[in-house]
Amino acid sequence: MSHAAQLSRNLAVDDTRLVAYTLGSGPDTYILIHGIGMSSRYFRPLARELSQHATVHMFDLPGFGNAPKPRRPLSIEDYARIMWRCLDQLGVSNPILVGHSMGCQVTVEMARQRASAGAAVLMGPAVNQRERSAWQQGLRLLQDTFREPLAANLVVFSDYALRCRLPWYFANLPVMLSYALEEAIEDVTVPVLILLGGRDPIAPREWTAELAARCPVAETAEIASAGHILMYRRPAEAAVHLLSLRARV
């Protein structure tokens, strides 16, 4: 498959549905998992970069993007279990899991649930345990909008307002806030890369440093001047870091 082509598939796990988008081909497989309120759309620049060298699967998680909403809010453990079931359907083994924001929680939980992950990448991991409240996270999100390009903000706001919509966002917010990433990451044994934007107010350096300190297999890297949505604004640099992770696997 040409790296420019994209294959879309609707997947079902029991009564829950997701949408998978596949680009590229190659021996390595990257799984891109978006954050709360978002969809796979903001991963497209990064996916295009990675697909020149590897197979890339992006997902719209249940209730986000083009995936229909399930009957009830799901836990992080639910999202991880469902993602593994979807990867089974796609015939994926030994994937490199890549999460952004709340997607980092799903990524870590996936690595805890199965030992078959090749590695895990956490980009802008949420939630900073010093700011584990809805109003603090909202304030940081607003702060970050002034550090992102207009195109990125348009993707964010259209996903929040038109695809996710506020009722589903607020139903998932307690799920994200209650998951203690700093504790869960201690159980991860596969190589971990924590990738941060140098101007990310949601996942600042002291928070990512704490995560790395709690996980012996974790390393950190920084993309200077990038905000929270670092993979949208600086996809080529992010891809270099992700592709170099294979050497550790």
Protein backbone atom coordinates (compact mmCIF):
# COMPACT_ATOMS: atom_id res chain seq x y z
CA MET A 1 0.00 0.00 0.00
CA SER A 2 1.31 3.45 -0.81
CA HIS A 3 1.94 5.52 2.29
CA ALA A 4 -0.44 8.13 0.85
CA ALA A 5 -3.37 5.71 0.77
CA GLN A 6 -5.70 5.32 3.73
CA LEU A 7 -7.92 2.36 4.47
CA SER A 8 -10.92 2.89 6.78
CA ARG A 9 -12.53 0.02 8.69
CA ASN A 10 -15.40 -0.19 11.17
CA LEU A 11 -14.62 -2.60 14.00
CA ALA A 12 -16.89 -4.04 16.68
CA VAL A 13 -16.03 -5.48 20.09
CA ASP A 14 -19.19 -6.93 21.60
CA ASP A 15 -21.61 -3.99 21.32
CA THR A 16 -18.93 -1.29 21.11
CA ARG A 17 -17.73 0.14 17.80
CA LEU A 18 -14.54 1.88 16.70
CA VAL A 19 -13.13 3.14 13.43
CA ALA A 20 -9.61 2.21 12.32
CA TYR A 21 -7.61 4.04 9.67
CA THR A 22 -4.55 2.34 8.18
CA LEU A 23 -1.69 3.91 6.25
CA GLY A 24 1.58 2.59 4.93
CA SER A 25 3.23 -0.80 5.17
CA GLY A 26 6.32 -2.20 6.75
CA PRO A 27 7.62 -4.61 9.39
CA ASP A 28 6.91 -2.21 12.28
CA THR A 29 3.39 -1.24 13.32
CA TYR A 30 2.46 1.96 15.15
CA ILE A 31 -0.89 2.33 16.93
CA LEU A 32 -2.01 5.95 17.44
CA ILE A 33 -4.47 6.57 20.31
CA HIS A 34 -6.03 10.01 20.68
CA GLY A 35 -6.99 11.99 23.78
CA ILE A 36 -10.29 13.02 25.32
CA GLY A 37 -12.66 14.94 23.04
CA MET A 38 -10.49 14.29 20.01
CA SER A 39 -10.34 11.90 17.06
CA SER A 40 -7.66 10.42 14.86
CA ARG A 41 -7.67 13.57 12.69
CA TYR A 42 -4.94 15.39 14.59
CA PHE A 43 -2.65 12.38 14.12
CA ARG A 44 -2.72 12.61 10.32
CA PRO A 45 0.49 14.64 9.87
CA LEU A 46 2.40 12.24 12.10
CA ALA A 47 0.79 9.20 10.48
CA ARG A 48 1.90 10.38 7.04
CA GLU A 49 5.48 10.68 8.28
CA LEU A 50 5.51 7.27 9.95
CA SER A 51 3.75 5.55 7.04
CA GLN A 52 6.78 6.17 4.83
CA HIS A 53 8.60 3.58 6.95
CA ALA A 54 5.99 1.47 8.76
CA THR A 55 2.36 0.39 9.04
CA VAL A 56 0.24 2.89 10.97
CA HIS A 57 -3.20 2.29 12.50
CA MET A 58 -5.10 5.32 13.84
CA PHE A 59 -8.36 4.89 15.75
CA ASP A 60 -11.48 6.82 16.63
CA LEU A 61 -12.24 5.47 20.09
CA PRO A 62 -15.86 4.69 21.03
CA GLY A 63 -17.89 7.90 21.16
CA PHE A 64 -15.21 10.03 19.50
CA GLY A 65 -14.70 11.11 15.91
CA ASN A 66 -16.72 8.88 13.58
CA ALA A 67 -17.23 6.10 16.15
CA PRO A 68 -20.73 5.85 17.66
CA LYS A 69 -21.18 6.40 21.37
CA PRO A 70 -21.49 3.30 23.54
CA ARG A 71 -24.36 2.85 25.96
CA ARG A 72 -22.27 3.94 28.93
CA PRO A 73 -19.00 5.73 29.63
CA LEU A 74 -16.02 3.40 29.47
CA SER A 75 -13.15 3.10 31.91
CA ILE A 76 -9.51 3.35 30.86
CA GLU A 77 -9.32 -0.39 31.45
CA ASP A 78 -12.28 -0.85 29.08
CA TYR A 79 -10.65 1.25 26.37
CA ALA A 80 -7.43 -0.77 26.66
CA ARG A 81 -9.23 -4.11 26.52
CA ILE A 82 -11.27 -3.02 23.50
CA MET A 83 -8.17 -1.74 21.72
CA TRP A 84 -6.41 -5.08 22.17
CA ARG A 85 -9.46 -6.90 20.81
CA CYS A 86 -9.40 -4.62 17.76
CA LEU A 87 -5.70 -5.27 17.20
CA ASP A 88 -6.45 -8.99 17.36
CA GLN A 89 -9.01 -8.50 14.60
CA LEU A 90 -6.46 -6.62 12.52
CA GLY A 91 -3.84 -9.32 13.06
CA VAL A 92 -1.44 -6.93 14.78
CA SER A 93 1.28 -8.31 17.03
CA ASN A 94 4.15 -6.59 18.86
CA PRO A 95 2.88 -3.06 18.11
CA ILE A 96 4.45 0.21 19.18
CA LEU A 97 1.66 1.94 21.11
CA VAL A 98 1.50 5.73 20.80
CA GLY A 99 -0.85 7.71 23.02
CA HIS A 100 -1.51 11.41 23.31
CA SER A 101 -2.94 13.09 26.44
CA MET A 102 -5.67 10.75 27.75
CA GLY A 103 -4.54 8.30 25.09
CA CYS A 104 -1.37 7.89 27.18
CA GLN A 105 -3.51 6.39 29.91
CA VAL A 106 -4.97 3.89 27.44
CA THR A 107 -1.48 3.13 26.14
CA VAL A 108 -0.08 2.44 29.61
CA GLU A 109 -3.08 0.31 30.51
CA MET A 110 -2.64 -1.69 27.31
CA ALA A 111 0.99 -2.31 28.22
CA ARG A 112 -0.15 -3.48 31.66
CA GLN A 113 -2.81 -5.81 30.28
CA ARG A 114 -0.63 -7.65 27.78
CA ALA A 115 3.08 -8.23 27.44
CA SER A 116 2.80 -8.30 23.64
CA ALA A 117 3.33 -4.56 23.14
CA GLY A 118 6.71 -3.81 21.60
CA ALA A 119 7.06 -0.37 23.17
CA ALA A 120 4.98 2.57 24.39
CA VAL A 121 5.16 6.26 23.54
CA LEU A 122 3.50 8.85 25.76
CA MET A 123 3.07 12.27 24.16
CA GLY A 124 1.85 15.03 26.46
CA PRO A 125 0.65 12.52 29.09
CA ALA A 126 -2.40 13.41 31.17
CA VAL A 127 -3.21 14.00 33.96
CA ASN A 128 -0.61 15.96 35.96
CA GLN A 129 -1.31 14.73 39.49
CA ARG A 130 -0.74 18.25 40.89
CA GLU A 131 -3.63 19.53 38.76
CA ARG A 132 -6.12 16.68 38.86
CA SER A 133 -9.31 18.72 38.67
CA ALA A 134 -11.65 19.71 35.85
CA TRP A 135 -11.16 23.45 36.27
CA GLN A 136 -7.36 23.18 36.31
CA GLN A 137 -7.33 21.03 33.20
CA GLY A 138 -9.73 23.39 31.48
CA LEU A 139 -7.49 26.32 32.33
CA ARG A 140 -4.42 24.53 30.95
CA LEU A 141 -6.28 23.60 27.77
CA LEU A 142 -7.24 27.24 27.27
CA GLN A 143 -3.64 28.26 27.90
CA ASP A 144 -2.43 25.80 25.30
CA THR A 145 -4.74 27.17 22.59
CA PHE A 146 -2.61 30.31 22.51
CA ARG A 147 0.47 28.17 21.84
CA GLU A 148 -0.95 26.11 18.97
CA PRO A 149 -1.30 27.02 15.28
CA LEU A 150 -4.75 28.00 14.04
CA ALA A 151 -5.09 24.81 12.01
CA ALA A 152 -4.55 22.67 15.11
CA ASN A 153 -7.07 24.67 17.12
CA LEU A 154 -9.66 24.26 14.37
CA VAL A 155 -9.25 20.48 14.51
CA VAL A 156 -9.51 20.50 18.31
CA PHE A 157 -12.57 22.70 18.54
CA SER A 158 -14.44 20.99 15.71
CA ASP A 159 -13.80 17.58 17.26
CA TYR A 160 -14.92 18.76 20.68
CA ALA A 161 -18.00 20.64 19.52
CA LEU A 162 -19.23 18.66 16.50
CA ARG A 163 -18.00 15.11 16.97
CA CYS A 164 -17.53 14.37 20.66
CA ARG A 165 -19.92 17.06 21.98
CA LEU A 166 -20.00 18.25 25.56
CA PRO A 167 -22.22 15.59 27.21
CA TRP A 168 -19.88 12.77 26.16
CA TYR A 169 -16.82 14.85 27.02
CA PHE A 170 -18.09 15.49 30.55
CA ALA A 171 -19.08 11.83 30.92
CA ASN A 172 -15.46 10.84 30.17
CA LEU A 173 -13.76 13.60 32.15
CA PRO A 174 -14.06 11.84 35.56
CA VAL A 175 -12.62 8.69 33.96
CA MET A 176 -9.53 10.60 32.81
CA LEU A 177 -9.12 12.52 36.07
CA SER A 178 -9.36 9.43 38.26
CA TYR A 179 -6.75 7.33 36.47
CA ALA A 180 -3.44 7.56 38.35
CA LEU A 181 -0.95 7.37 35.50
CA GLU A 182 1.98 7.89 37.88
CA GLU A 183 1.07 4.63 39.63
CA ALA A 184 0.12 2.62 36.56
CA ILE A 185 3.35 3.35 34.73
CA GLU A 186 5.30 1.57 37.46
CA ASP A 187 3.93 -1.73 36.11
CA VAL A 188 5.11 -1.20 32.53
CA THR A 189 8.06 -3.36 31.48
CA VAL A 190 8.34 -2.60 27.74
CA PRO A 191 10.50 0.33 26.56
CA VAL A 192 8.77 3.67 27.11
CA LEU A 193 9.43 7.01 25.46
CA ILE A 194 7.86 10.08 27.08
CA LEU A 195 7.78 12.82 24.46
CA LEU A 196 6.94 16.34 25.59
CA GLY A 197 6.49 19.71 24.02
CA GLY A 198 8.74 22.34 25.55
CA ARG A 199 5.77 24.73 25.93
CA ASP A 200 3.11 22.23 26.94
CA PRO A 201 1.18 23.55 29.98
CA ILE A 202 -0.85 20.34 30.32
CA ALA A 203 2.15 18.00 30.61
CA PRO A 204 5.03 20.13 31.98
CA ARG A 205 8.60 18.91 32.47
CA GLU A 206 8.32 18.23 36.19
CA TRP A 207 5.34 15.95 35.58
CA THR A 208 6.96 13.98 32.75
CA ALA A 209 10.18 13.74 34.78
CA GLU A 210 8.21 12.21 37.64
CA LEU A 211 6.67 9.64 35.30
CA ALA A 212 10.10 8.72 33.97
CA ALA A 213 11.49 8.40 37.49
CA ARG A 214 8.75 5.93 38.39
CA CYS A 215 9.39 3.72 35.34
CA PRO A 216 12.92 2.26 34.99
CA VAL A 217 12.39 1.48 31.29
CA ALA A 218 11.32 5.06 30.43
CA GLU A 219 13.28 7.73 28.60
CA THR A 220 12.24 11.30 27.87
CA ALA A 221 12.70 13.53 24.86
CA GLU A 222 11.55 17.07 24.17
CA ILE A 223 10.50 18.98 21.09
CA ALA A 224 11.40 22.58 21.86
CA SER A 225 8.77 25.29 21.39
CA ALA A 226 5.99 22.76 20.76
CA GLY A 227 2.78 22.84 22.78
CA HIS A 228 0.47 20.02 23.82
CA ILE A 229 -0.41 18.94 20.28
CA LEU A 230 3.26 18.48 19.40
CA MET A 231 2.67 15.76 16.79
CA TYR A 232 0.45 18.06 14.72
CA ARG A 233 2.76 21.04 14.63
CA ARG A 234 6.07 19.16 14.50
CA PRO A 235 5.24 15.78 12.90
CA ALA A 236 8.61 15.18 11.26
CA GLU A 237 10.50 15.68 14.52
CA ALA A 238 8.03 13.53 16.43
CA ALA A 239 8.36 10.78 13.82
CA VAL A 240 12.15 10.74 14.18
CA HIS A 241 11.81 10.07 17.90
CA LEU A 242 9.20 7.35 17.35
CA LEU A 243 11.15 5.61 14.62
CA SER A 244 14.34 5.60 16.69
CA LEU A 245 12.49 3.79 19.48
CA ARG A 246 12.64 0.57 17.47
CA ALA A 247 16.34 0.28 18.34
CA ARG A 248 15.34 -0.25 21.99
CA VAL A 249 12.79 -2.97 21.30
